[in-house]
């Protein structure tokens, strides 16, 4: 679909099947539907999701609680995530969401209504564990995920620094010296390529590990 007007016929047909009388471009609204004295249904149309579309829909909530956003169903690699994220936003704002596929198939993703999200206790606990494990404040809020210092990276830095100073060591000795209980696992998994396995249970610092200590020197000082 190339024009917003192309969304109108399939959405109008859907509403008419539900017993609504439907008209386009009524006042400032793209679509208005009425049925048996009920509150009006308003649908705002755009080819794709945008902040302006959400602004328009929120403004229509001053007229009626029955407000929908109507868009072309996203396609491509990021389509599923885009639909999921915008569906969650619609629910949070109390808006309905209607998508129209390229073949004209209409799908009601959600209806308008109050939103009461359930808290995810597992994610809350994970966040608090990471907060407790993270030493110092090595990251600027709002930084990109690339280059973020996590508690896991700080553990790896502690192990790498110990090996740089003492040479190859047993995992249990590194754990005792650094206070990292999972030191052996960190070096065995070698997520950053910083460690070389010398023999069973004994690890040394790789060339990448030496570079890693230089690259993350500031973060290491913040955590130390």
C-alpha atoms as a PDB file:
ATOM      1  CA  UNK A   1       0.000   0.000   0.000  1.00  0.00           C
ATOM      2  CA  UNK A   2       1.360   3.370  -1.064  1.00  0.00           C
ATOM      3  CA  UNK A   3      -1.193   5.838   0.366  1.00  0.00           C
ATOM      4  CA  UNK A   4      -2.994   6.266   3.660  1.00  0.00           C
ATOM      5  CA  UNK A   5      -6.256   6.251   1.700  1.00  0.00           C
ATOM      6  CA  UNK A   6      -5.545   2.630   0.730  1.00  0.00           C
ATOM      7  CA  UNK A   7      -6.046   1.642   4.380  1.00  0.00           C
ATOM      8  CA  UNK A   8      -9.540   3.099   4.461  1.00  0.00           C
ATOM      9  CA  UNK A   9     -11.582   0.547   2.425  1.00  0.00           C
ATOM     10  CA  UNK A  10     -10.511  -2.611   4.305  1.00  0.00           C
ATOM     11  CA  UNK A  11     -10.870  -0.968   7.746  1.00  0.00           C
ATOM     12  CA  UNK A  12     -14.245   0.505   6.772  1.00  0.00           C
ATOM     13  CA  UNK A  13     -15.405  -2.934   5.620  1.00  0.00           C
ATOM     14  CA  UNK A  14     -14.323  -4.472   8.921  1.00  0.00           C
ATOM     15  CA  UNK A  15     -16.280  -1.920  10.949  1.00  0.00           C
ATOM     16  CA  UNK A  16     -19.346  -2.214   8.727  1.00  0.00           C
ATOM     17  CA  UNK A  17     -19.386  -5.974   9.255  1.00  0.00           C
ATOM     18  CA  UNK A  18     -19.648  -5.199  12.952  1.00  0.00           C
ATOM     19  CA  UNK A  19     -22.709  -3.049  12.390  1.00  0.00           C
ATOM     20  CA  UNK A  20     -21.119   0.405  12.312  1.00  0.00           C
ATOM     21  CA  UNK A  21     -21.925   3.275   9.999  1.00  0.00           C
ATOM     22  CA  UNK A  22     -18.560   4.525   8.820  1.00  0.00           C
ATOM     23  CA  UNK A  23     -17.437   7.828   7.318  1.00  0.00           C
ATOM     24  CA  UNK A  24     -13.971   9.124   6.441  1.00  0.00           C
ATOM     25  CA  UNK A  25     -12.400  12.508   7.210  1.00  0.00           C
ATOM     26  CA  UNK A  26     -14.954  13.707   9.738  1.00  0.00           C
ATOM     27  CA  UNK A  27     -13.600  16.825  11.413  1.00  0.00           C
ATOM     28  CA  UNK A  28      -9.981  16.134  12.294  1.00  0.00           C
ATOM     29  CA  UNK A  29     -10.468  12.342  12.469  1.00  0.00           C
ATOM     30  CA  UNK A  30      -9.475  10.015   9.632  1.00  0.00           C
ATOM     31  CA  UNK A  31     -12.316   7.540  10.299  1.00  0.00           C
ATOM     32  CA  UNK A  32     -15.401   7.843  12.499  1.00  0.00           C
ATOM     33  CA  UNK A  33     -17.765   4.898  13.087  1.00  0.00           C
ATOM     34  CA  UNK A  34     -21.130   5.003  14.915  1.00  0.00           C
ATOM     35  CA  UNK A  35     -23.401   2.206  16.117  1.00  0.00           C
ATOM     36  CA  UNK A  36     -26.723   2.330  17.995  1.00  0.00           C
ATOM     37  CA  UNK A  37     -26.005   5.402  20.095  1.00  0.00           C
ATOM     38  CA  UNK A  38     -22.691   4.042  21.400  1.00  0.00           C
ATOM     39  CA  UNK A  39     -19.633   6.240  21.852  1.00  0.00           C
ATOM     40  CA  UNK A  40     -17.985   6.951  18.500  1.00  0.00           C
ATOM     41  CA  UNK A  41     -15.058   4.871  17.296  1.00  0.00           C
ATOM     42  CA  UNK A  42     -12.180   6.862  15.802  1.00  0.00           C
ATOM     43  CA  UNK A  43      -9.346   5.410  13.727  1.00  0.00           C
ATOM     44  CA  UNK A  44      -6.239   7.416  12.847  1.00  0.00           C
ATOM     45  CA  UNK A  45      -4.421   6.180   9.744  1.00  0.00           C
ATOM     46  CA  UNK A  46      -0.754   6.181   8.795  1.00  0.00           C
ATOM     47  CA  UNK A  47       1.296   3.918   6.549  1.00  0.00           C
ATOM     48  CA  UNK A  48       3.721   3.237   9.409  1.00  0.00           C
ATOM     49  CA  UNK A  49       4.155   3.905  13.108  1.00  0.00           C
ATOM     50  CA  UNK A  50       5.342   7.373  14.084  1.00  0.00           C
ATOM     51  CA  UNK A  51       5.359   9.635  17.101  1.00  0.00           C
ATOM     52  CA  UNK A  52       3.017  12.029  15.282  1.00  0.00           C
ATOM     53  CA  UNK A  53       0.497   9.200  14.855  1.00  0.00           C
ATOM     54  CA  UNK A  54       0.482   8.484  18.574  1.00  0.00           C
ATOM     55  CA  UNK A  55       0.116  12.200  19.296  1.00  0.00           C
ATOM     56  CA  UNK A  56      -2.938  12.351  17.030  1.00  0.00           C
ATOM     57  CA  UNK A  57      -4.512   9.297  18.609  1.00  0.00           C
ATOM     58  CA  UNK A  58      -3.973  10.605  22.148  1.00  0.00           C
ATOM     59  CA  UNK A  59      -5.641  13.874  21.154  1.00  0.00           C
ATOM     60  CA  UNK A  60      -8.702  11.916  19.955  1.00  0.00           C
ATOM     61  CA  UNK A  61      -9.039  10.391  23.424  1.00  0.00           C
ATOM     62  CA  UNK A  62     -10.527  13.745  24.446  1.00  0.00           C
ATOM     63  CA  UNK A  63     -13.515  12.849  22.262  1.00  0.00           C
ATOM     64  CA  UNK A  64     -13.963   9.123  22.941  1.00  0.00           C
ATOM     65  CA  UNK A  65     -12.234   6.211  24.663  1.00  0.00           C
ATOM     66  CA  UNK A  66     -12.654   4.106  21.508  1.00  0.00           C
ATOM     67  CA  UNK A  67      -9.599   5.235  19.542  1.00  0.00           C
ATOM     68  CA  UNK A  68      -7.594   2.984  17.223  1.00  0.00           C
ATOM     69  CA  UNK A  69      -4.393   3.410  15.264  1.00  0.00           C
ATOM     70  CA  UNK A  70      -4.510   1.916  11.771  1.00  0.00           C
ATOM     71  CA  UNK A  71      -1.240   1.114   9.950  1.00  0.00           C
ATOM     72  CA  UNK A  72       0.194  -1.196   7.316  1.00  0.00           C
ATOM     73  CA  UNK A  73       1.485  -4.352   8.978  1.00  0.00           C
ATOM     74  CA  UNK A  74       5.286  -3.993   9.219  1.00  0.00           C
ATOM     75  CA  UNK A  75       7.410  -6.191   6.975  1.00  0.00           C
ATOM     76  CA  UNK A  76      11.074  -7.105   6.958  1.00  0.00           C
ATOM     77  CA  UNK A  77      13.657  -8.339   9.433  1.00  0.00           C
ATOM     78  CA  UNK A  78      12.612  -6.080  12.299  1.00  0.00           C
ATOM     79  CA  UNK A  79       8.858  -6.309  11.648  1.00  0.00           C
ATOM     80  CA  UNK A  80       7.995  -8.620  14.519  1.00  0.00           C
ATOM     81  CA  UNK A  81       9.874  -6.518  17.079  1.00  0.00           C
ATOM     82  CA  UNK A  82       8.432  -3.261  15.698  1.00  0.00           C
ATOM     83  CA  UNK A  83       4.892  -4.624  15.931  1.00  0.00           C
ATOM     84  CA  UNK A  84       5.458  -6.015  19.416  1.00  0.00           C
ATOM     85  CA  UNK A  85       6.936  -2.760  20.751  1.00  0.00           C
ATOM     86  CA  UNK A  86       4.241  -0.550  19.251  1.00  0.00           C
ATOM     87  CA  UNK A  87       1.488  -2.914  20.384  1.00  0.00           C
ATOM     88  CA  UNK A  88       2.816  -2.612  23.936  1.00  0.00           C
ATOM     89  CA  UNK A  89       2.812   1.188  23.582  1.00  0.00           C
ATOM     90  CA  UNK A  90      -0.786   1.178  22.338  1.00  0.00           C
ATOM     91  CA  UNK A  91      -1.865  -0.904  25.308  1.00  0.00           C
ATOM     92  CA  UNK A  92       0.008   1.359  27.689  1.00  0.00           C
ATOM     93  CA  UNK A  93      -1.788   4.404  26.238  1.00  0.00           C
ATOM     94  CA  UNK A  94      -5.202   2.738  26.138  1.00  0.00           C
ATOM     95  CA  UNK A  95      -5.335   2.767  22.326  1.00  0.00           C
ATOM     96  CA  UNK A  96      -6.489   0.072  19.944  1.00  0.00           C
ATOM     97  CA  UNK A  97      -4.327  -1.142  17.069  1.00  0.00           C
ATOM     98  CA  UNK A  98      -5.450  -2.311  13.629  1.00  0.00           C
ATOM     99  CA  UNK A  99      -2.973  -3.537  11.011  1.00  0.00           C
ATOM    100  CA  UNK A 100      -3.620  -4.045   7.304  1.00  0.00           C
ATOM    101  CA  UNK A 101      -1.559  -6.522   5.295  1.00  0.00           C
ATOM    102  CA  UNK A 102      -0.495  -5.925   1.710  1.00  0.00           C
ATOM    103  CA  UNK A 103      -3.308  -8.193   0.473  1.00  0.00           C
ATOM    104  CA  UNK A 104      -5.895  -6.099   2.360  1.00  0.00           C
ATOM    105  CA  UNK A 105      -6.355  -8.492   5.272  1.00  0.00           C
ATOM    106  CA  UNK A 106      -7.260  -6.556   8.420  1.00  0.00           C
ATOM    107  CA  UNK A 107      -6.086  -7.713  11.862  1.00  0.00           C
ATOM    108  CA  UNK A 108      -7.194  -6.158  15.147  1.00  0.00           C
ATOM    109  CA  UNK A 109      -4.084  -6.476  17.323  1.00  0.00           C
ATOM    110  CA  UNK A 110      -5.735  -4.995  20.422  1.00  0.00           C
ATOM    111  CA  UNK A 111      -8.822  -3.025  21.452  1.00  0.00           C
ATOM    112  CA  UNK A 112      -8.773   0.206  23.477  1.00  0.00           C
ATOM    113  CA  UNK A 113      -8.918  -0.158  27.225  1.00  0.00           C
ATOM    114  CA  UNK A 114      -7.188   0.562  30.526  1.00  0.00           C
ATOM    115  CA  UNK A 115      -3.757  -0.977  30.920  1.00  0.00           C
ATOM    116  CA  UNK A 116      -2.478  -2.519  34.158  1.00  0.00           C
ATOM    117  CA  UNK A 117       0.906  -4.175  33.455  1.00  0.00           C
ATOM    118  CA  UNK A 118       2.041  -7.042  35.633  1.00  0.00           C
ATOM    119  CA  UNK A 119       5.490  -6.661  37.122  1.00  0.00           C
ATOM    120  CA  UNK A 120       8.041  -9.307  36.162  1.00  0.00           C
ATOM    121  CA  UNK A 121       9.587 -10.395  39.464  1.00  0.00           C
ATOM    122  CA  UNK A 122      12.316 -12.376  37.722  1.00  0.00           C
ATOM    123  CA  UNK A 123      13.486  -9.359  35.700  1.00  0.00           C
ATOM    124  CA  UNK A 124      13.308  -7.172  38.808  1.00  0.00           C
ATOM    125  CA  UNK A 125      15.481  -9.619  40.758  1.00  0.00           C
ATOM    126  CA  UNK A 126      17.960  -9.841  37.852  1.00  0.00           C
ATOM    127  CA  UNK A 127      18.234  -6.042  37.701  1.00  0.00           C
ATOM    128  CA  UNK A 128      18.860  -5.768  41.445  1.00  0.00           C
ATOM    129  CA  UNK A 129      21.489  -8.539  41.345  1.00  0.00           C
ATOM    130  CA  UNK A 130      23.342  -6.750  38.566  1.00  0.00           C
ATOM    131  CA  UNK A 131      23.153  -3.472  40.518  1.00  0.00           C
ATOM    132  CA  UNK A 132      24.595  -5.130  43.631  1.00  0.00           C
ATOM    133  CA  UNK A 133      27.387  -6.894  41.709  1.00  0.00           C
ATOM    134  CA  UNK A 134      28.453  -3.851  39.691  1.00  0.00           C
ATOM    135  CA  UNK A 135      31.305  -2.115  41.504  1.00  0.00           C
ATOM    136  CA  UNK A 136      31.481   1.651  41.343  1.00  0.00           C
ATOM    137  CA  UNK A 137      29.655   3.536  38.585  1.00  0.00           C
ATOM    138  CA  UNK A 138      31.670   2.797  35.413  1.00  0.00           C
ATOM    139  CA  UNK A 139      28.981   3.583  32.827  1.00  0.00           C
ATOM    140  CA  UNK A 140      27.449   6.882  31.751  1.00  0.00           C
ATOM    141  CA  UNK A 141      23.658   6.613  31.740  1.00  0.00           C
ATOM    142  CA  UNK A 142      22.331   6.535  28.179  1.00  0.00           C
ATOM    143  CA  UNK A 143      25.483   5.018  26.670  1.00  0.00           C
ATOM    144  CA  UNK A 144      25.087   2.505  23.846  1.00  0.00           C
ATOM    145  CA  UNK A 145      25.077  -1.170  24.809  1.00  0.00           C
ATOM    146  CA  UNK A 146      28.388  -1.674  22.992  1.00  0.00           C
ATOM    147  CA  UNK A 147      31.166  -1.084  25.477  1.00  0.00           C
ATOM    148  CA  UNK A 148      28.975  -1.202  28.573  1.00  0.00           C
ATOM    149  CA  UNK A 149      30.788  -2.431  31.682  1.00  0.00           C
ATOM    150  CA  UNK A 150      28.770  -5.233  33.251  1.00  0.00           C
ATOM    151  CA  UNK A 151      29.403  -7.057  36.509  1.00  0.00           C
ATOM    152  CA  UNK A 152      30.540 -10.037  34.413  1.00  0.00           C
ATOM    153  CA  UNK A 153      33.096  -7.894  32.585  1.00  0.00           C
ATOM    154  CA  UNK A 154      34.356  -6.545  35.893  1.00  0.00           C
ATOM    155  CA  UNK A 155      34.851 -10.138  37.103  1.00  0.00           C
ATOM    156  CA  UNK A 156      36.789 -10.932  33.918  1.00  0.00           C
ATOM    157  CA  UNK A 157      38.912  -7.811  34.401  1.00  0.00           C
ATOM    158  CA  UNK A 158      39.775  -8.873  37.954  1.00  0.00           C
ATOM    159  CA  UNK A 159      40.845 -12.303  36.705  1.00  0.00           C
ATOM    160  CA  UNK A 160      42.861 -10.802  33.857  1.00  0.00           C
ATOM    161  CA  UNK A 161      44.603  -8.323  36.145  1.00  0.00           C
ATOM    162  CA  UNK A 162      45.576 -11.113  38.549  1.00  0.00           C
ATOM    163  CA  UNK A 163      47.039 -13.206  35.713  1.00  0.00           C
ATOM    164  CA  UNK A 164      48.903 -10.177  34.338  1.00  0.00           C
ATOM    165  CA  UNK A 165      50.591  -9.722  37.705  1.00  0.00           C
ATOM    166  CA  UNK A 166      51.115 -13.365  38.696  1.00  0.00           C
ATOM    167  CA  UNK A 167      51.272 -15.355  35.471  1.00  0.00           C
ATOM    168  CA  UNK A 168      49.273 -18.525  34.805  1.00  0.00           C
ATOM    169  CA  UNK A 169      47.291 -19.675  37.849  1.00  0.00           C
ATOM    170  CA  UNK A 170      44.809 -22.281  38.997  1.00  0.00           C
ATOM    171  CA  UNK A 171      41.236 -21.139  38.799  1.00  0.00           C
ATOM    172  CA  UNK A 172      40.699 -21.709  42.501  1.00  0.00           C
ATOM    173  CA  UNK A 173      43.688 -19.512  43.336  1.00  0.00           C
ATOM    174  CA  UNK A 174      42.369 -16.723  41.109  1.00  0.00           C
ATOM    175  CA  UNK A 175      38.951 -16.989  42.775  1.00  0.00           C
ATOM    176  CA  UNK A 176      40.512 -16.727  46.241  1.00  0.00           C
ATOM    177  CA  UNK A 177      42.789 -13.810  45.340  1.00  0.00           C
ATOM    178  CA  UNK A 178      40.217 -11.750  43.412  1.00  0.00           C
ATOM    179  CA  UNK A 179      37.052 -12.510  45.339  1.00  0.00           C
ATOM    180  CA  UNK A 180      35.367 -13.723  42.143  1.00  0.00           C
ATOM    181  CA  UNK A 181      33.641 -17.017  43.097  1.00  0.00           C
ATOM    182  CA  UNK A 182      33.126 -18.003  39.458  1.00  0.00           C
ATOM    183  CA  UNK A 183      36.660 -17.189  38.305  1.00  0.00           C
ATOM    184  CA  UNK A 184      37.266 -20.655  36.852  1.00  0.00           C
ATOM    185  CA  UNK A 185      34.021 -20.524  34.875  1.00  0.00           C
ATOM    186  CA  UNK A 186      34.781 -16.994  33.612  1.00  0.00           C
ATOM    187  CA  UNK A 187      38.213 -18.061  32.349  1.00  0.00           C
ATOM    188  CA  UNK A 188      36.947 -21.367  30.956  1.00  0.00           C
ATOM    189  CA  UNK A 189      34.056 -19.758  29.059  1.00  0.00           C
ATOM    190  CA  UNK A 190      36.487 -17.086  27.810  1.00  0.00           C
ATOM    191  CA  UNK A 191      33.711 -14.881  26.484  1.00  0.00           C
ATOM    192  CA  UNK A 192      36.072 -12.036  25.554  1.00  0.00           C
ATOM    193  CA  UNK A 193      39.007 -14.166  24.385  1.00  0.00           C
ATOM    194  CA  UNK A 194      41.192 -12.883  27.210  1.00  0.00           C
ATOM    195  CA  UNK A 195      42.357 -16.225  28.614  1.00  0.00           C
ATOM    196  CA  UNK A 196      44.437 -19.176  27.442  1.00  0.00           C
ATOM    197  CA  UNK A 197      44.055 -22.645  28.956  1.00  0.00           C
ATOM    198  CA  UNK A 198      47.583 -23.744  29.900  1.00  0.00           C
ATOM    199  CA  UNK A 199      46.538 -27.112  31.275  1.00  0.00           C
ATOM    200  CA  UNK A 200      43.571 -28.552  33.141  1.00  0.00           C
ATOM    201  CA  UNK A 201      42.324 -25.966  35.657  1.00  0.00           C
ATOM    202  CA  UNK A 202      45.189 -23.534  34.933  1.00  0.00           C
ATOM    203  CA  UNK A 203      44.781 -20.397  32.848  1.00  0.00           C
ATOM    204  CA  UNK A 204      47.035 -17.650  31.542  1.00  0.00           C
ATOM    205  CA  UNK A 205      46.427 -14.226  30.020  1.00  0.00           C
ATOM    206  CA  UNK A 206      46.157 -14.084  26.207  1.00  0.00           C
ATOM    207  CA  UNK A 207      47.352 -11.265  23.979  1.00  0.00           C
ATOM    208  CA  UNK A 208      43.725 -10.140  23.681  1.00  0.00           C
ATOM    209  CA  UNK A 209      43.565 -10.102  27.467  1.00  0.00           C
ATOM    210  CA  UNK A 210      46.563  -7.788  27.693  1.00  0.00           C
ATOM    211  CA  UNK A 211      44.921  -5.448  25.185  1.00  0.00           C
ATOM    212  CA  UNK A 212      41.650  -5.736  27.071  1.00  0.00           C
ATOM    213  CA  UNK A 213      43.272  -4.542  30.279  1.00  0.00           C
ATOM    214  CA  UNK A 214      44.638  -1.505  28.439  1.00  0.00           C
ATOM    215  CA  UNK A 215      41.340  -0.753  26.723  1.00  0.00           C
ATOM    216  CA  UNK A 216      39.282  -1.086  29.890  1.00  0.00           C
ATOM    217  CA  UNK A 217      41.831   0.609  32.179  1.00  0.00           C
ATOM    218  CA  UNK A 218      39.452   3.448  33.139  1.00  0.00           C
ATOM    219  CA  UNK A 219      36.632   1.066  33.933  1.00  0.00           C
ATOM    220  CA  UNK A 220      38.999  -1.101  35.919  1.00  0.00           C
ATOM    221  CA  UNK A 221      40.107   1.898  37.997  1.00  0.00           C
ATOM    222  CA  UNK A 222      36.461   2.802  38.637  1.00  0.00           C
ATOM    223  CA  UNK A 223      35.752  -0.684  39.947  1.00  0.00           C
ATOM    224  CA  UNK A 224      38.955  -1.093  41.934  1.00  0.00           C
END
